[in-house]
Amino acid sequence: MTVRRVALLTAGGLAPCLSSAVGALIERYTALDSAIEIIGYRDGYAGLLRGDHLTVTPEDRERAHLLHRFGGSPLGNSRVKLTNVKDCVKRGLVAEGQDPLHVAAEQLTKDGVDVLHTIGGDDTNTTAADLAAYLHDNGYELTVVGLPKTIDNDVVPIRQSLGAWTAAEQGALFARNIVAEHSSNPRMLIVHEVMGRHCGWLTAATAARYQDWLDTQEFSGFGDNTRRSWEIHGVYVPELDFDIAAEAERLKAIMDETGCVNLFLSEGAGVSTIVAEMLARGEEPKRDAFGHVKLDTINPGAWFAKQFAGMVGAEKTMVQKSGYFSRSAAANAEDLALIRACADLAADAALRGESGVVGHDEEAGDVLRVCEFSRIKGGKAFDPSERWFGDLMQQIGQPLGSLAPTR
């Protein structure tokens, strides 16, 4: 397959890999064949539909390594689903009566694109799958290769999504200062709300990273400067249900002992309960273009804090969200290595004309390969039976036996 022009786009929410993934793809194509032109669509699929793109210059290629130092995306993001015609029309991305998939295909043809790289999560890559299928079924000669970006680490069948390790590390860094707030008032309840709509991996991994840091600390034992006060006292993920009354009884004993309770909560935990309450009141939760409830509009952390506060006898409650802090970071060393490996394979596969999403395939022995688009989907659950999670729960004194799987 002859490749003359490659296009890149980043889409969905931010993750600590977008800037670096763009840089890694530019570096790889430059090393393979500097004659291959590279463009980047602004603001994800929105830019593709508008035909709004940047051209990578020779100077950009020389400075591509600098992109590894930053979070965010140099191309910009948006949440656009090409099969949601109504939303695309409403946003002015296509005209009434137009099919966004057809508009995208025609734009790619007009721009002379041979390969499209999509860098995003399950929504981005399922949209890429829809586009790839449309291109194939309608005679467009174009290869689509995705890179899996999501801090939730919830893309099936990808073992490790780009940016998730960094997000956990950054969330733990955020927690160091937030947990210090336990000393700001007597009987303090702190809820650290971590991103994760359907999957508790990030909450669990963030808590584990925080505990790793805690294990390296020495405490004076003077006043509140004790490990028990800085400890995590509860971790709640969507995959495990629990009895609020029983947990409150356990946490009240900790509050009585230490004068504080520190909780790590996945934003997806309890969402179904909150939404059910809203619907019972006649309120319809706001949803995005993919039909997901907009979590920032229902405030799961505040809801949980309200449930627990009275039962544990908290005098003050604080809810803090680490999501925007952690997802906007530059990739750490772990993620940089993963990004480079995936970007290299993505470019190599594209030159072979092989479409799909690059990642370690859990259903094929964790081999790094191009996973077929038909197998890509979101909502991969975190497995709470993982040994490291069991060790974490044992360390913080939260009995796993009192929690029940939700699915």
Protein backbone atom coordinates (compact mmCIF):
# COMPACT_ATOMS: atom_id res chain seq x y z
CA MET A 1 0.00 0.00 0.00
CA THR A 2 1.32 3.43 -0.95
CA VAL A 3 0.78 6.04 1.76
CA ARG A 4 1.18 9.66 0.79
CA ARG A 5 -0.77 11.48 3.49
CA VAL A 6 -1.59 10.56 7.10
CA ALA A 7 -4.15 12.33 9.28
CA LEU A 8 -4.30 12.41 13.08
CA LEU A 9 -7.11 13.40 15.43
CA THR A 10 -7.63 13.31 19.20
CA ALA A 11 -11.12 13.08 20.66
CA GLY A 12 -13.13 12.60 23.83
CA GLY A 13 -11.92 13.73 27.24
CA LEU A 14 -8.28 14.53 27.93
CA ALA A 15 -5.79 11.92 29.11
CA PRO A 16 -2.04 12.09 29.89
CA CYS A 17 -1.07 10.64 26.52
CA LEU A 18 -2.66 12.73 23.76
CA SER A 19 0.17 15.19 23.24
CA SER A 20 2.76 12.45 23.51
CA ALA A 21 0.88 10.09 21.16
CA VAL A 22 0.71 12.84 18.51
CA GLY A 23 4.43 13.44 18.97
CA ALA A 24 5.26 9.73 18.81
CA LEU A 25 3.30 9.22 15.58
CA ILE A 26 5.01 12.22 13.96
CA GLU A 27 8.40 10.87 15.04
CA ARG A 28 7.63 7.36 13.77
CA TYR A 29 6.44 8.44 10.33
CA THR A 30 9.38 10.81 10.00
CA ALA A 31 11.75 7.93 10.76
CA LEU A 32 9.97 5.54 8.39
CA ASP A 33 9.51 7.92 5.46
CA SER A 34 9.85 11.68 5.83
CA ALA A 35 8.12 12.11 2.46
CA ILE A 36 4.78 11.03 3.98
CA GLU A 37 2.72 14.15 4.66
CA ILE A 38 1.02 14.48 8.06
CA ILE A 39 -2.00 16.60 8.91
CA GLY A 40 -3.99 16.91 12.14
CA TYR A 41 -7.70 17.63 12.32
CA ARG A 42 -8.57 20.27 14.90
CA ASP A 43 -10.99 19.35 17.67
CA GLY A 44 -11.40 15.70 16.78
CA TYR A 45 -14.27 14.56 14.59
CA ALA A 46 -15.69 18.09 14.65
CA GLY A 47 -12.62 19.29 12.73
CA LEU A 48 -12.89 16.36 10.33
CA LEU A 49 -16.49 17.26 9.50
CA ARG A 50 -15.53 20.92 9.04
CA GLY A 51 -12.40 20.13 7.05
CA ASP A 52 -10.33 22.09 9.58
CA HIS A 53 -6.78 20.77 9.79
CA LEU A 54 -3.17 21.69 10.51
CA THR A 55 -0.24 20.60 8.35
CA VAL A 56 2.85 19.21 10.09
CA THR A 57 5.83 21.16 8.80
CA PRO A 58 9.49 20.06 8.75
CA GLU A 59 10.02 22.35 11.74
CA ASP A 60 7.14 20.62 13.56
CA ARG A 61 8.81 17.27 12.90
CA GLU A 62 12.07 18.49 14.41
CA ARG A 63 10.25 19.69 17.53
CA ALA A 64 7.87 16.74 17.87
CA HIS A 65 9.86 15.38 20.83
CA LEU A 66 8.81 18.42 22.85
CA LEU A 67 5.19 17.24 22.79
CA HIS A 68 6.13 14.47 25.25
CA ARG A 69 6.63 17.12 27.94
CA PHE A 70 3.02 18.33 27.95
CA GLY A 71 -0.49 17.22 28.79
CA GLY A 72 -3.59 18.19 26.84
CA SER A 73 -3.68 17.86 23.07
CA PRO A 74 -1.99 20.09 20.48
CA LEU A 75 -4.91 19.36 18.15
CA GLY A 76 -7.83 19.95 20.53
CA ASN A 77 -10.67 17.56 21.36
CA SER A 78 -14.44 17.27 21.11
CA ARG A 79 -17.13 14.69 21.80
CA VAL A 80 -18.79 13.95 18.47
CA LYS A 81 -20.51 10.70 17.48
CA LEU A 82 -20.72 10.39 13.70
CA THR A 83 -23.79 8.17 13.89
CA ASN A 84 -25.67 10.69 16.07
CA VAL A 85 -27.01 12.67 13.12
CA LYS A 86 -29.35 14.82 15.20
CA ASP A 87 -26.52 16.03 17.44
CA CYS A 88 -24.20 16.74 14.49
CA VAL A 89 -26.94 18.80 12.81
CA LYS A 90 -27.73 20.63 16.05
CA ARG A 91 -24.07 21.59 16.46
CA GLY A 92 -23.84 22.83 12.88
CA LEU A 93 -21.30 20.20 11.86
CA VAL A 94 -23.46 18.89 9.02
CA ALA A 95 -26.52 20.21 7.23
CA GLU A 96 -30.02 18.79 7.61
CA GLY A 97 -30.31 15.65 5.51
CA GLN A 98 -26.56 14.93 5.44
CA ASP A 99 -25.02 11.72 6.82
CA PRO A 100 -22.01 12.64 9.01
CA LEU A 101 -20.26 9.40 8.00
CA HIS A 102 -20.57 10.36 4.34
CA VAL A 103 -19.41 13.93 5.06
CA ALA A 104 -16.36 12.57 6.92
CA ALA A 105 -15.54 10.09 4.15
CA GLU A 106 -15.78 12.77 1.48
CA GLN A 107 -13.62 15.15 3.51
CA LEU A 108 -10.93 12.52 3.94
CA THR A 109 -11.01 11.90 0.20
CA LYS A 110 -10.88 15.62 -0.55
CA ASP A 111 -7.88 15.99 1.76
CA GLY A 112 -6.11 13.07 0.07
CA VAL A 113 -5.82 11.08 3.30
CA ASP A 114 -4.63 7.46 3.01
CA VAL A 115 -4.41 6.72 6.74
CA LEU A 116 -6.42 8.13 9.66
CA HIS A 117 -5.15 7.70 13.22
CA THR A 118 -7.78 8.23 15.93
CA ILE A 119 -6.48 8.74 19.46
CA GLY A 120 -9.25 8.35 21.99
CA GLY A 121 -11.28 6.12 24.27
CA ASP A 122 -14.03 3.63 23.57
CA ASP A 123 -16.42 6.23 22.17
CA THR A 124 -13.72 7.63 19.87
CA ASN A 125 -12.70 4.21 18.63
CA THR A 126 -16.21 2.79 18.27
CA THR A 127 -16.91 5.89 16.18
CA ALA A 128 -13.72 5.10 14.26
CA ALA A 129 -15.08 1.57 13.78
CA ASP A 130 -18.31 3.00 12.36
CA LEU A 131 -16.29 5.20 10.02
CA ALA A 132 -13.98 2.35 8.98
CA ALA A 133 -16.99 0.14 8.20
CA TYR A 134 -18.62 2.91 6.17
CA LEU A 135 -15.42 3.51 4.21
CA HIS A 136 -15.03 -0.20 3.48
CA ASP A 137 -18.68 -0.72 2.52
CA ASN A 138 -18.72 2.29 0.21
CA GLY A 139 -15.49 1.73 -1.67
CA TYR A 140 -13.26 4.31 0.00
CA GLU A 141 -9.63 3.17 0.11
CA LEU A 142 -8.49 4.32 3.53
CA THR A 143 -6.91 2.66 6.58
CA VAL A 144 -8.04 3.64 10.10
CA VAL A 145 -5.79 2.78 13.06
CA GLY A 146 -6.74 3.85 16.57
CA LEU A 147 -4.77 4.30 19.78
CA PRO A 148 -6.64 3.55 23.06
CA LYS A 149 -6.79 6.60 25.31
CA THR A 150 -8.76 6.58 28.55
CA ILE A 151 -7.81 7.16 32.15
CA ASP A 152 -10.59 4.76 33.16
CA ASN A 153 -8.70 1.83 31.55
CA ASP A 154 -12.01 0.40 30.42
CA VAL A 155 -11.62 -0.46 26.73
CA VAL A 156 -12.34 -4.07 25.72
CA PRO A 157 -10.09 -6.01 24.95
CA ILE A 158 -7.18 -3.64 25.71
CA ARG A 159 -5.20 -4.55 28.84
CA GLN A 160 -3.78 -1.08 29.50
CA SER A 161 -5.08 2.14 27.98
CA LEU A 162 -2.67 4.98 27.29
CA GLY A 163 -2.55 7.59 30.05
CA ALA A 164 -4.18 5.53 32.82
CA TRP A 165 -0.97 4.88 34.78
CA THR A 166 -0.13 8.57 34.78
CA ALA A 167 -3.65 9.54 35.85
CA ALA A 168 -3.41 7.20 38.85
CA GLU A 169 -0.02 8.64 39.78
CA GLN A 170 -1.30 12.20 39.50
CA GLY A 171 -4.48 11.41 41.43
CA ALA A 172 -2.34 10.06 44.26
CA LEU A 173 -0.27 13.25 44.19
CA PHE A 174 -3.48 15.29 44.39
CA ALA A 175 -4.60 13.16 47.34
CA ARG A 176 -1.50 13.94 49.40
CA ASN A 177 -2.63 17.52 49.82
CA ILE A 178 -6.36 16.81 50.00
CA VAL A 179 -5.97 14.24 52.78
CA ALA A 180 -3.96 16.85 54.73
CA GLU A 181 -7.26 18.73 55.05
CA HIS A 182 -8.28 16.21 57.71
CA SER A 183 -6.60 18.53 60.20
CA SER A 184 -8.52 21.63 59.13
CA ASN A 185 -11.56 20.85 61.31
CA PRO A 186 -12.64 18.43 64.06
CA ARG A 187 -14.45 15.30 62.84
CA MET A 188 -13.62 15.90 59.18
CA LEU A 189 -15.07 13.77 56.38
CA ILE A 190 -13.04 13.97 53.15
CA VAL A 191 -14.32 12.45 49.91
CA HIS A 192 -11.78 12.24 47.09
CA GLU A 193 -13.88 11.72 43.96
CA VAL A 194 -11.96 9.99 41.17
CA MET A 195 -13.03 9.78 37.52
CA GLY A 196 -14.47 6.49 36.29
CA ARG A 197 -17.97 6.23 34.83
CA HIS A 198 -18.36 2.45 34.66
CA CYS A 199 -14.96 1.20 35.78
CA GLY A 200 -13.32 1.48 39.19
CA TRP A 201 -9.78 0.74 37.98
CA LEU A 202 -8.59 4.35 38.26
CA THR A 203 -10.00 4.77 41.78
CA ALA A 204 -8.39 1.53 42.92
CA ALA A 205 -5.06 2.28 41.21
CA THR A 206 -5.01 5.83 42.57
CA ALA A 207 -5.63 4.54 46.09
CA ALA A 208 -2.89 1.93 45.64
CA ARG A 209 -0.41 4.57 44.45
CA TYR A 210 -1.31 6.77 47.41
CA GLN A 211 -0.76 3.86 49.79
CA ASP A 212 2.61 3.18 48.16
CA TRP A 213 3.57 6.77 48.96
CA LEU A 214 2.20 6.45 52.48
CA ASP A 215 4.37 3.37 53.05
CA THR A 216 7.49 5.51 52.50
CA GLN A 217 6.53 8.15 55.09
CA GLU A 218 7.57 8.51 58.72
CA PHE A 219 5.22 10.16 61.19
CA SER A 220 6.14 11.98 64.38
CA GLY A 221 3.16 10.67 66.32
CA PHE A 222 2.55 14.18 67.62
CA GLY A 223 -1.15 15.10 67.55
CA ASP A 224 -2.73 14.33 64.19
CA ASN A 225 0.60 13.50 62.59
CA THR A 226 -0.08 9.77 62.64
CA ARG A 227 -0.41 7.26 59.84
CA ARG A 228 -3.96 6.46 60.90
CA SER A 229 -5.03 10.06 60.24
CA TRP A 230 -3.43 10.03 56.78
CA GLU A 231 -4.75 6.58 55.90
CA ILE A 232 -7.46 5.87 53.35
CA HIS A 233 -10.42 4.53 55.28
CA GLY A 234 -12.68 3.47 52.42
CA VAL A 235 -12.51 2.78 48.66
CA TYR A 236 -15.73 2.56 46.62
CA VAL A 237 -15.92 1.41 42.99
CA PRO A 238 -18.85 0.71 40.64
CA GLU A 239 -18.09 -3.02 40.52
CA LEU A 240 -18.81 -3.52 44.22
CA ASP A 241 -22.04 -2.71 46.03
CA PHE A 242 -22.13 -2.17 49.78
CA ASP A 243 -24.43 -1.60 52.71
CA ILE A 244 -24.23 2.12 53.50
CA ALA A 245 -25.45 1.63 57.08
CA ALA A 246 -22.85 -1.08 57.80
CA GLU A 247 -20.07 0.98 56.24
CA ALA A 248 -21.18 4.05 58.19
CA GLU A 249 -20.94 2.09 61.43
CA ARG A 250 -17.39 1.02 60.58
CA LEU A 251 -16.41 4.54 59.55
CA LYS A 252 -17.96 6.14 62.64
CA ALA A 253 -15.65 4.04 64.81
CA ILE A 254 -12.71 5.41 62.81
CA MET A 255 -14.05 8.96 63.14
CA ASP A 256 -14.35 8.51 66.91
CA GLU A 257 -10.79 7.20 67.06
CA THR A 258 -8.96 9.58 64.73
CA GLY A 259 -11.28 12.59 64.28
CA CYS A 260 -11.33 12.12 60.50
CA VAL A 261 -12.46 9.80 57.72
CA ASN A 262 -10.78 9.79 54.28
CA LEU A 263 -12.62 8.13 51.39
CA PHE A 264 -11.72 7.42 47.75
CA LEU A 265 -14.83 7.25 45.58
CA SER A 266 -15.24 6.39 41.91
CA GLU A 267 -17.61 8.90 40.33
CA GLY A 268 -19.51 6.02 38.76
CA ALA A 269 -20.27 4.35 42.09
CA GLY A 270 -23.94 4.71 42.93
CA VAL A 271 -24.86 6.58 39.74
CA SER A 272 -27.79 4.25 39.02
CA THR A 273 -29.19 5.01 42.49
CA ILE A 274 -28.78 8.75 42.05
CA VAL A 275 -30.38 8.73 38.59
CA ALA A 276 -33.27 6.62 39.89
CA GLU A 277 -33.88 9.20 42.62
CA MET A 278 -33.82 12.01 40.04
CA LEU A 279 -36.29 10.22 37.77
CA ALA A 280 -38.59 9.57 40.73
CA ARG A 281 -38.61 13.34 41.32
CA GLY A 282 -39.47 13.91 37.68
CA GLU A 283 -35.98 15.18 36.82
CA GLU A 284 -34.20 14.00 33.66
CA PRO A 285 -30.39 13.89 33.98
CA LYS A 286 -28.41 15.69 31.29
CA ARG A 287 -26.67 13.43 28.77
CA ASP A 288 -23.86 13.83 26.23
CA ALA A 289 -23.85 12.98 22.52
CA PHE A 290 -23.20 9.32 23.34
CA GLY A 291 -26.16 9.10 25.73
CA HIS A 292 -24.02 9.02 28.88
CA VAL A 293 -25.27 10.85 31.96
CA LYS A 294 -23.14 13.96 32.50
CA LEU A 295 -21.61 13.04 35.83
CA ASP A 296 -20.57 16.59 36.67
CA THR A 297 -24.26 17.54 36.74
CA ILE A 298 -25.30 14.94 39.32
CA ASN A 299 -22.29 15.20 41.69
CA PRO A 300 -21.86 11.62 42.98
CA GLY A 301 -19.28 12.74 45.54
CA ALA A 302 -21.67 15.23 47.11
CA TRP A 303 -24.41 12.60 47.19
CA PHE A 304 -22.20 10.08 48.99
CA ALA A 305 -20.89 12.73 51.38
CA LYS A 306 -24.45 13.63 52.29
CA GLN A 307 -25.30 9.97 52.95
CA PHE A 308 -22.30 9.42 55.21
CA ALA A 309 -21.93 12.76 56.99
CA GLY A 310 -24.73 12.43 59.50
CA MET A 311 -24.18 8.73 60.13
CA VAL A 312 -20.49 9.13 61.00
CA GLY A 313 -21.02 12.35 62.97
CA ALA A 314 -18.96 14.61 60.70
CA GLU A 315 -18.79 18.25 61.72
CA LYS A 316 -17.53 19.26 58.27
CA THR A 317 -17.45 17.52 54.91
CA MET A 318 -15.17 18.22 51.96
CA VAL A 319 -15.55 16.76 48.45
CA GLN A 320 -12.62 17.20 46.09
CA LYS A 321 -12.29 15.91 42.51
CA SER A 322 -8.91 14.95 41.09
CA GLY A 323 -10.10 14.22 37.56
CA TYR A 324 -9.20 17.42 35.74
CA PHE A 325 -5.87 17.59 37.59
CA SER A 326 -4.89 14.02 36.75
CA ARG A 327 -6.16 13.80 33.17
CA SER A 328 -4.32 16.94 32.06
CA ALA A 329 -0.83 15.82 33.10
CA ALA A 330 2.06 14.96 30.82
CA ALA A 331 2.67 11.22 30.43
CA ASN A 332 4.99 9.60 32.97
CA ALA A 333 7.82 7.20 32.08
CA GLU A 334 5.56 4.12 32.20
CA ASP A 335 3.06 5.63 29.82
CA LEU A 336 5.72 7.09 27.54
CA ALA A 337 7.12 3.61 26.93
CA LEU A 338 3.64 2.25 26.23
CA ILE A 339 2.76 5.18 23.95
CA ARG A 340 5.92 4.76 21.89
CA ALA A 341 5.37 1.02 21.48
CA CYS A 342 1.75 1.51 20.43
CA ALA A 343 2.52 4.44 18.11
CA ASP A 344 5.31 2.51 16.40
CA LEU A 345 3.04 -0.47 15.77
CA ALA A 346 0.17 1.81 14.68
CA ALA A 347 2.33 3.43 11.98
CA ASP A 348 3.76 0.10 10.85
CA ALA A 349 0.27 -1.42 10.65
CA ALA A 350 -1.06 1.58 8.74
CA LEU A 351 1.62 1.17 6.09
CA ARG A 352 0.50 -2.45 5.74
CA GLY A 353 -3.12 -1.33 5.32
CA GLU A 354 -4.21 -2.99 8.57
CA SER A 355 -7.08 -1.25 10.39
CA GLY A 356 -8.02 -1.60 14.08
CA VAL A 357 -7.00 -0.39 17.53
CA VAL A 358 -3.48 -1.00 18.85
CA GLY A 359 -3.04 -2.42 22.32
CA HIS A 360 -2.15 -5.46 24.40
CA ASP A 361 -4.96 -7.86 23.55
CA GLU A 362 -6.28 -9.52 26.74
CA GLU A 363 -8.09 -12.12 24.67
CA ALA A 364 -4.91 -13.11 22.80
CA GLY A 365 -2.39 -13.60 25.59
CA ASP A 366 -1.74 -9.87 26.14
CA VAL A 367 0.17 -9.62 22.86
CA LEU A 368 0.64 -6.10 21.51
CA ARG A 369 -1.29 -6.16 18.25
CA VAL A 370 -3.90 -4.42 16.11
CA CYS A 371 -7.22 -5.42 17.66
CA GLU A 372 -10.13 -5.68 15.26
CA PHE A 373 -12.60 -2.79 15.42
CA SER A 374 -15.49 -5.22 15.74
CA ARG A 375 -14.15 -6.29 19.15
CA ILE A 376 -13.68 -2.80 20.57
CA LYS A 377 -16.20 -1.66 23.15
CA GLY A 378 -16.30 0.37 26.34
CA GLY A 379 -17.41 -0.36 29.86
CA LYS A 380 -14.79 -2.98 30.69
CA ALA A 381 -15.23 -3.65 34.38
CA PHE A 382 -12.41 -3.54 36.90
CA ASP A 383 -11.80 -6.95 38.43
CA PRO A 384 -11.94 -6.49 42.23
CA SER A 385 -10.56 -10.00 42.69
CA GLU A 386 -7.15 -8.71 41.54
CA ARG A 387 -4.66 -9.61 44.24
CA TRP A 388 -3.23 -6.10 44.51
CA PHE A 389 -6.71 -4.71 45.19
CA GLY A 390 -7.36 -7.33 47.85
CA ASP A 391 -4.06 -6.43 49.48
CA LEU A 392 -5.01 -2.74 49.41
CA MET A 393 -8.38 -3.36 51.05
CA GLN A 394 -6.79 -5.54 53.71
CA GLN A 395 -4.20 -2.84 54.39
CA ILE A 396 -6.78 -0.10 54.92
CA GLY A 397 -9.01 -2.40 57.00
CA GLN A 398 -12.03 -2.42 54.68
CA PRO A 399 -13.48 -5.95 54.58
CA LEU A 400 -14.05 -7.12 51.01
CA GLY A 401 -16.49 -9.66 52.39
CA SER A 402 -18.97 -6.89 53.14
CA LEU A 403 -18.98 -5.79 49.50
CA ALA A 404 -20.95 -7.50 46.76
CA PRO A 405 -20.35 -7.50 43.00
CA THR A 406 -22.74 -5.22 41.15
CA ARG A 407 -22.46 -7.13 37.87
